[in-house]
Amino acid sequence: MSITELKQAVIGLTTSELAEISAFIAEQEANRWDKQIDTDFSPNGRLRSVLDEVLEDARTGNTRDLP
């Protein structure tokens, strides 16, 4: 099914069906975001060095209070 076909199908949904599909899509987005975060901060992830730096700063007390 194409995006155009999906959009047309959504137009024909009832209010409750639209709410249900909206909740489903939001859940799918959240799941993908969670997987991306897990990947980025995994041992070989692209943001692991940032996480390691933050953890080291926290461990050594190299922090300050936010204003």
PDB file of N, CA and C in Angstrom:
ATOM      1  N   MET A   1       0.846  -1.169   0.000  1.00  0.00           N
ATOM      2  CA  MET A   1       0.000   0.000   0.000  1.00  0.00           C
ATOM      3  C   MET A   1       0.895   1.236   0.000  1.00  0.00           C
ATOM      4  N   SER A   2       0.570   2.198  -0.826  1.00  0.00           N
ATOM      5  CA  SER A   2       1.367   3.418  -0.927  1.00  0.00           C
ATOM      6  C   SER A   2       0.963   4.423   0.156  1.00  0.00           C
ATOM      7  N   ILE A   3       1.788   5.424   0.324  1.00  0.00           N
ATOM      8  CA  ILE A   3       1.485   6.490   1.278  1.00  0.00           C
ATOM      9  C   ILE A   3       0.187   7.189   0.876  1.00  0.00           C
ATOM     10  N   THR A   4       0.017   7.426  -0.395  1.00  0.00           N
ATOM     11  CA  THR A   4      -1.216   8.069  -0.877  1.00  0.00           C
ATOM     12  C   THR A   4      -2.429   7.231  -0.516  1.00  0.00           C
ATOM     13  N   GLU A   5      -2.335   5.930  -0.701  1.00  0.00           N
ATOM     14  CA  GLU A   5      -3.447   5.039  -0.355  1.00  0.00           C
ATOM     15  C   GLU A   5      -3.697   5.054   1.159  1.00  0.00           C
ATOM     16  N   LEU A   6      -2.636   5.077   1.925  1.00  0.00           N
ATOM     17  CA  LEU A   6      -2.787   5.141   3.382  1.00  0.00           C
ATOM     18  C   LEU A   6      -3.482   6.434   3.806  1.00  0.00           C
ATOM     19  N   LYS A   7      -3.054   7.538   3.212  1.00  0.00           N
ATOM     20  CA  LYS A   7      -3.672   8.822   3.542  1.00  0.00           C
ATOM     21  C   LYS A   7      -5.163   8.812   3.205  1.00  0.00           C
ATOM     22  N   GLN A   8      -5.501   8.271   2.069  1.00  0.00           N
ATOM     23  CA  GLN A   8      -6.912   8.184   1.677  1.00  0.00           C
ATOM     24  C   GLN A   8      -7.685   7.310   2.655  1.00  0.00           C
ATOM     25  N   ALA A   9      -7.100   6.215   3.078  1.00  0.00           N
ATOM     26  CA  ALA A   9      -7.761   5.328   4.028  1.00  0.00           C
ATOM     27  C   ALA A   9      -7.980   6.037   5.366  1.00  0.00           C
ATOM     28  N   VAL A  10      -7.008   6.832   5.795  1.00  0.00           N
ATOM     29  CA  VAL A  10      -7.134   7.557   7.060  1.00  0.00           C
ATOM     30  C   VAL A  10      -8.275   8.562   6.991  1.00  0.00           C
ATOM     31  N   ILE A  11      -8.423   9.201   5.864  1.00  0.00           N
ATOM     32  CA  ILE A  11      -9.503  10.172   5.702  1.00  0.00           C
ATOM     33  C   ILE A  11     -10.866   9.537   5.976  1.00  0.00           C
ATOM     34  N   GLY A  12     -11.017   8.272   5.618  1.00  0.00           N
ATOM     35  CA  GLY A  12     -12.289   7.590   5.789  1.00  0.00           C
ATOM     36  C   GLY A  12     -12.528   6.981   7.164  1.00  0.00           C
ATOM     37  N   LEU A  13     -11.591   7.141   8.090  1.00  0.00           N
ATOM     38  CA  LEU A  13     -11.735   6.538   9.409  1.00  0.00           C
ATOM     39  C   LEU A  13     -12.742   7.298  10.271  1.00  0.00           C
ATOM     40  N   THR A  14     -13.373   6.552  11.151  1.00  0.00           N
ATOM     41  CA  THR A  14     -14.228   7.192  12.150  1.00  0.00           C
ATOM     42  C   THR A  14     -13.334   7.850  13.198  1.00  0.00           C
ATOM     43  N   THR A  15     -13.930   8.644  14.055  1.00  0.00           N
ATOM     44  CA  THR A  15     -13.168   9.316  15.108  1.00  0.00           C
ATOM     45  C   THR A  15     -12.457   8.309  16.009  1.00  0.00           C
ATOM     46  N   SER A  16     -13.144   7.255  16.386  1.00  0.00           N
ATOM     47  CA  SER A  16     -12.520   6.260  17.262  1.00  0.00           C
ATOM     48  C   SER A  16     -11.436   5.472  16.528  1.00  0.00           C
ATOM     49  N   GLU A  17     -11.647   5.181  15.264  1.00  0.00           N
ATOM     50  CA  GLU A  17     -10.619   4.485  14.484  1.00  0.00           C
ATOM     51  C   GLU A  17      -9.379   5.369  14.313  1.00  0.00           C
ATOM     52  N   LEU A  18      -9.602   6.657  14.088  1.00  0.00           N
ATOM     53  CA  LEU A  18      -8.481   7.590  13.950  1.00  0.00           C
ATOM     54  C   LEU A  18      -7.695   7.679  15.254  1.00  0.00           C
ATOM     55  N   ALA A  19      -8.393   7.709  16.376  1.00  0.00           N
ATOM     56  CA  ALA A  19      -7.722   7.727  17.680  1.00  0.00           C
ATOM     57  C   ALA A  19      -6.904   6.452  17.871  1.00  0.00           C
ATOM     58  N   GLU A  20      -7.450   5.332  17.472  1.00  0.00           N
ATOM     59  CA  GLU A  20      -6.746   4.051  17.625  1.00  0.00           C
ATOM     60  C   GLU A  20      -5.491   4.006  16.760  1.00  0.00           C
ATOM     61  N   ILE A  21      -5.597   4.435  15.508  1.00  0.00           N
ATOM     62  CA  ILE A  21      -4.427   4.399  14.624  1.00  0.00           C
ATOM     63  C   ILE A  21      -3.396   5.438  15.059  1.00  0.00           C
ATOM     64  N   SER A  22      -3.866   6.566  15.586  1.00  0.00           N
ATOM     65  CA  SER A  22      -2.943   7.588  16.095  1.00  0.00           C
ATOM     66  C   SER A  22      -2.139   7.049  17.269  1.00  0.00           C
ATOM     67  N   ALA A  23      -2.795   6.354  18.175  1.00  0.00           N
ATOM     68  CA  ALA A  23      -2.108   5.756  19.318  1.00  0.00           C
ATOM     69  C   ALA A  23      -1.111   4.700  18.849  1.00  0.00           C
ATOM     70  N   PHE A  24      -1.500   3.919  17.863  1.00  0.00           N
ATOM     71  CA  PHE A  24      -0.616   2.887  17.317  1.00  0.00           C
ATOM     72  C   PHE A  24       0.634   3.523  16.701  1.00  0.00           C
ATOM     73  N   ILE A  25       0.441   4.570  15.923  1.00  0.00           N
ATOM     74  CA  ILE A  25       1.573   5.240  15.280  1.00  0.00           C
ATOM     75  C   ILE A  25       2.482   5.869  16.332  1.00  0.00           C
ATOM     76  N   ALA A  26       1.915   6.498  17.336  1.00  0.00           N
ATOM     77  CA  ALA A  26       2.718   7.085  18.408  1.00  0.00           C
ATOM     78  C   ALA A  26       3.555   6.018  19.112  1.00  0.00           C
ATOM     79  N   GLU A  27       2.961   4.857  19.344  1.00  0.00           N
ATOM     80  CA  GLU A  27       3.685   3.758  19.981  1.00  0.00           C
ATOM     81  C   GLU A  27       4.832   3.279  19.094  1.00  0.00           C
ATOM     82  N   GLN A  28       4.592   3.179  17.796  1.00  0.00           N
ATOM     83  CA  GLN A  28       5.636   2.749  16.865  1.00  0.00           C
ATOM     84  C   GLN A  28       6.782   3.751  16.843  1.00  0.00           C
ATOM     85  N   GLU A  29       6.454   5.047  16.838  1.00  0.00           N
ATOM     86  CA  GLU A  29       7.488   6.083  16.869  1.00  0.00           C
ATOM     87  C   GLU A  29       8.313   5.992  18.144  1.00  0.00           C
ATOM     88  N   ALA A  30       7.647   5.799  19.271  1.00  0.00           N
ATOM     89  CA  ALA A  30       8.350   5.689  20.552  1.00  0.00           C
ATOM     90  C   ALA A  30       9.268   4.472  20.560  1.00  0.00           C
ATOM     91  N   ASN A  31       8.795   3.352  20.029  1.00  0.00           N
ATOM     92  CA  ASN A  31       9.621   2.143  19.982  1.00  0.00           C
ATOM     93  C   ASN A  31      10.859   2.362  19.114  1.00  0.00           C
ATOM     94  N   ARG A  32      10.695   3.005  17.975  1.00  0.00           N
ATOM     95  CA  ARG A  32      11.844   3.272  17.103  1.00  0.00           C
ATOM     96  C   ARG A  32      12.823   4.223  17.772  1.00  0.00           C
ATOM     97  N   TRP A  33      12.305   5.230  18.464  1.00  0.00           N
ATOM     98  CA  TRP A  33      13.157   6.179  19.174  1.00  0.00           C
ATOM     99  C   TRP A  33      13.959   5.454  20.251  1.00  0.00           C
ATOM    100  N   ASP A  34      13.283   4.594  21.016  1.00  0.00           N
ATOM    101  CA  ASP A  34      13.971   3.832  22.059  1.00  0.00           C
ATOM    102  C   ASP A  34      15.081   2.972  21.468  1.00  0.00           C
ATOM    103  N   LYS A  35      14.801   2.314  20.353  1.00  0.00           N
ATOM    104  CA  LYS A  35      15.824   1.477  19.708  1.00  0.00           C
ATOM    105  C   LYS A  35      16.998   2.323  19.234  1.00  0.00           C
ATOM    106  N   GLN A  36      16.711   3.515  18.707  1.00  0.00           N
ATOM    107  CA  GLN A  36      17.779   4.391  18.240  1.00  0.00           C
ATOM    108  C   GLN A  36      18.647   4.861  19.404  1.00  0.00           C
ATOM    109  N   ILE A  37      18.013   5.204  20.510  1.00  0.00           N
ATOM    110  CA  ILE A  37      18.762   5.613  21.706  1.00  0.00           C
ATOM    111  C   ILE A  37      19.654   4.465  22.181  1.00  0.00           C
ATOM    112  N   ASP A  38      19.086   3.266  22.248  1.00  0.00           N
ATOM    113  CA  ASP A  38      19.866   2.093  22.657  1.00  0.00           C
ATOM    114  C   ASP A  38      21.055   1.881  21.735  1.00  0.00           C
ATOM    115  N   THR A  39      20.855   2.024  20.440  1.00  0.00           N
ATOM    116  CA  THR A  39      21.932   1.850  19.468  1.00  0.00           C
ATOM    117  C   THR A  39      22.995   2.933  19.626  1.00  0.00           C
ATOM    118  N   ASP A  40      22.555   4.181  19.758  1.00  0.00           N
ATOM    119  CA  ASP A  40      23.502   5.296  19.858  1.00  0.00           C
ATOM    120  C   ASP A  40      24.382   5.218  21.094  1.00  0.00           C
ATOM    121  N   PHE A  41      23.834   4.714  22.206  1.00  0.00           N
ATOM    122  CA  PHE A  41      24.600   4.670  23.455  1.00  0.00           C
ATOM    123  C   PHE A  41      25.153   3.278  23.773  1.00  0.00           C
ATOM    124  N   SER A  42      25.031   2.352  22.845  1.00  0.00           N
ATOM    125  CA  SER A  42      25.603   1.018  23.037  1.00  0.00           C
ATOM    126  C   SER A  42      27.127   1.119  23.048  1.00  0.00           C
ATOM    127  N   PRO A  43      27.827   0.069  23.457  1.00  0.00           N
ATOM    128  CA  PRO A  43      29.292   0.141  23.551  1.00  0.00           C
ATOM    129  C   PRO A  43      29.994   0.659  22.289  1.00  0.00           C
ATOM    130  N   ASN A  44      29.470   0.380  21.121  1.00  0.00           N
ATOM    131  CA  ASN A  44      30.094   0.868  19.885  1.00  0.00           C
ATOM    132  C   ASN A  44      29.249   1.946  19.206  1.00  0.00           C
ATOM    133  N   GLY A  45      28.308   2.514  19.929  1.00  0.00           N
ATOM    134  CA  GLY A  45      27.398   3.499  19.360  1.00  0.00           C
ATOM    135  C   GLY A  45      28.055   4.848  19.127  1.00  0.00           C
ATOM    136  N   ARG A  46      27.419   5.646  18.277  1.00  0.00           N
ATOM    137  CA  ARG A  46      28.003   6.932  17.886  1.00  0.00           C
ATOM    138  C   ARG A  46      28.027   7.949  19.014  1.00  0.00           C
ATOM    139  N   LEU A  47      27.218   7.774  20.040  1.00  0.00           N
ATOM    140  CA  LEU A  47      27.199   8.714  21.168  1.00  0.00           C
ATOM    141  C   LEU A  47      27.786   8.123  22.452  1.00  0.00           C
ATOM    142  N   ARG A  48      28.385   6.959  22.359  1.00  0.00           N
ATOM    143  CA  ARG A  48      28.927   6.312  23.553  1.00  0.00           C
ATOM    144  C   ARG A  48      30.005   7.147  24.220  1.00  0.00           C
ATOM    145  N   SER A  49      30.838   7.802  23.425  1.00  0.00           N
ATOM    146  CA  SER A  49      31.910   8.602  24.018  1.00  0.00           C
ATOM    147  C   SER A  49      31.335   9.752  24.847  1.00  0.00           C
ATOM    148  N   VAL A  50      30.220  10.310  24.418  1.00  0.00           N
ATOM    149  CA  VAL A  50      29.570  11.380  25.178  1.00  0.00           C
ATOM    150  C   VAL A  50      29.050  10.827  26.501  1.00  0.00           C
ATOM    151  N   LEU A  51      28.398   9.664  26.450  1.00  0.00           N
ATOM    152  CA  LEU A  51      27.895   9.034  27.669  1.00  0.00           C
ATOM    153  C   LEU A  51      29.043   8.730  28.622  1.00  0.00           C
ATOM    154  N   ASP A  52      30.126   8.181  28.109  1.00  0.00           N
ATOM    155  CA  ASP A  52      31.274   7.865  28.958  1.00  0.00           C
ATOM    156  C   ASP A  52      31.830   9.118  29.625  1.00  0.00           C
ATOM    157  N   GLU A  53      31.887  10.219  28.892  1.00  0.00           N
ATOM    158  CA  GLU A  53      32.390  11.474  29.440  1.00  0.00           C
ATOM    159  C   GLU A  53      31.474  11.986  30.557  1.00  0.00           C
ATOM    160  N   VAL A  54      30.183  11.933  30.335  1.00  0.00           N
ATOM    161  CA  VAL A  54      29.221  12.384  31.343  1.00  0.00           C
ATOM    162  C   VAL A  54      29.313  11.508  32.593  1.00  0.00           C
ATOM    163  N   LEU A  55      29.379  10.200  32.405  1.00  0.00           N
ATOM    164  CA  LEU A  55      29.482   9.297  33.548  1.00  0.00           C
ATOM    165  C   LEU A  55      30.769   9.534  34.334  1.00  0.00           C
ATOM    166  N   GLU A  56      31.861   9.782  33.638  1.00  0.00           N
ATOM    167  CA  GLU A  56      33.128  10.058  34.302  1.00  0.00           C
ATOM    168  C   GLU A  56      33.051  11.367  35.081  1.00  0.00           C
ATOM    169  N   ASP A  57      32.454  12.389  34.485  1.00  0.00           N
ATOM    170  CA  ASP A  57      32.293  13.657  35.197  1.00  0.00           C
ATOM    171  C   ASP A  57      31.447  13.473  36.453  1.00  0.00           C
ATOM    172  N   ALA A  58      30.391  12.704  36.357  1.00  0.00           N
ATOM    173  CA  ALA A  58      29.530  12.454  37.517  1.00  0.00           C
ATOM    174  C   ALA A  58      30.296  11.669  38.593  1.00  0.00           C
ATOM    175  N   ARG A  59      31.076  10.683  38.161  1.00  0.00           N
ATOM    176  CA  ARG A  59      31.830   9.849  39.095  1.00  0.00           C
ATOM    177  C   ARG A  59      32.873  10.675  39.851  1.00  0.00           C
ATOM    178  N   THR A  60      33.513  11.609  39.154  1.00  0.00           N
ATOM    179  CA  THR A  60      34.598  12.392  39.765  1.00  0.00           C
ATOM    180  C   THR A  60      34.096  13.679  40.418  1.00  0.00           C
ATOM    181  N   GLY A  61      32.801  13.930  40.335  1.00  0.00           N
ATOM    182  CA  GLY A  61      32.238  15.139  40.951  1.00  0.00           C
ATOM    183  C   GLY A  61      32.468  16.391  40.131  1.00  0.00           C
ATOM    184  N   ASN A  62      32.844  16.222  38.887  1.00  0.00           N
ATOM    185  CA  ASN A  62      33.092  17.359  37.985  1.00  0.00           C
ATOM    186  C   ASN A  62      31.752  17.844  37.405  1.00  0.00           C
ATOM    187  N   THR A  63      30.898  18.312  38.304  1.00  0.00           N
ATOM    188  CA  THR A  63      29.554  18.770  37.914  1.00  0.00           C
ATOM    189  C   THR A  63      29.251  20.072  38.620  1.00  0.00           C
ATOM    190  N   ARG A  64      28.185  20.713  38.200  1.00  0.00           N
ATOM    191  CA  ARG A  64      27.710  21.910  38.898  1.00  0.00           C
ATOM    192  C   ARG A  64      26.204  21.947  38.827  1.00  0.00           C
ATOM    193  N   ASP A  65      25.616  22.653  39.778  1.00  0.00           N
ATOM    194  CA  ASP A  65      24.169  22.781  39.817  1.00  0.00           C
ATOM    195  C   ASP A  65      23.693  23.659  38.682  1.00  0.00           C
ATOM    196  N   LEU A  66      22.522  23.345  38.172  1.00  0.00           N
ATOM    197  CA  LEU A  66      21.911  24.195  37.161  1.00  0.00           C
ATOM    198  C   LEU A  66      21.325  25.426  37.825  1.00  0.00           C
ATOM    199  N   PRO A  67      21.350  26.557  37.140  1.00  0.00           N
ATOM    200  CA  PRO A  67      20.807  27.782  37.749  1.00  0.00           C
ATOM    201  C   PRO A  67      19.312  27.692  37.966  1.00  0.00           C
TER     202      PRO A  67
END
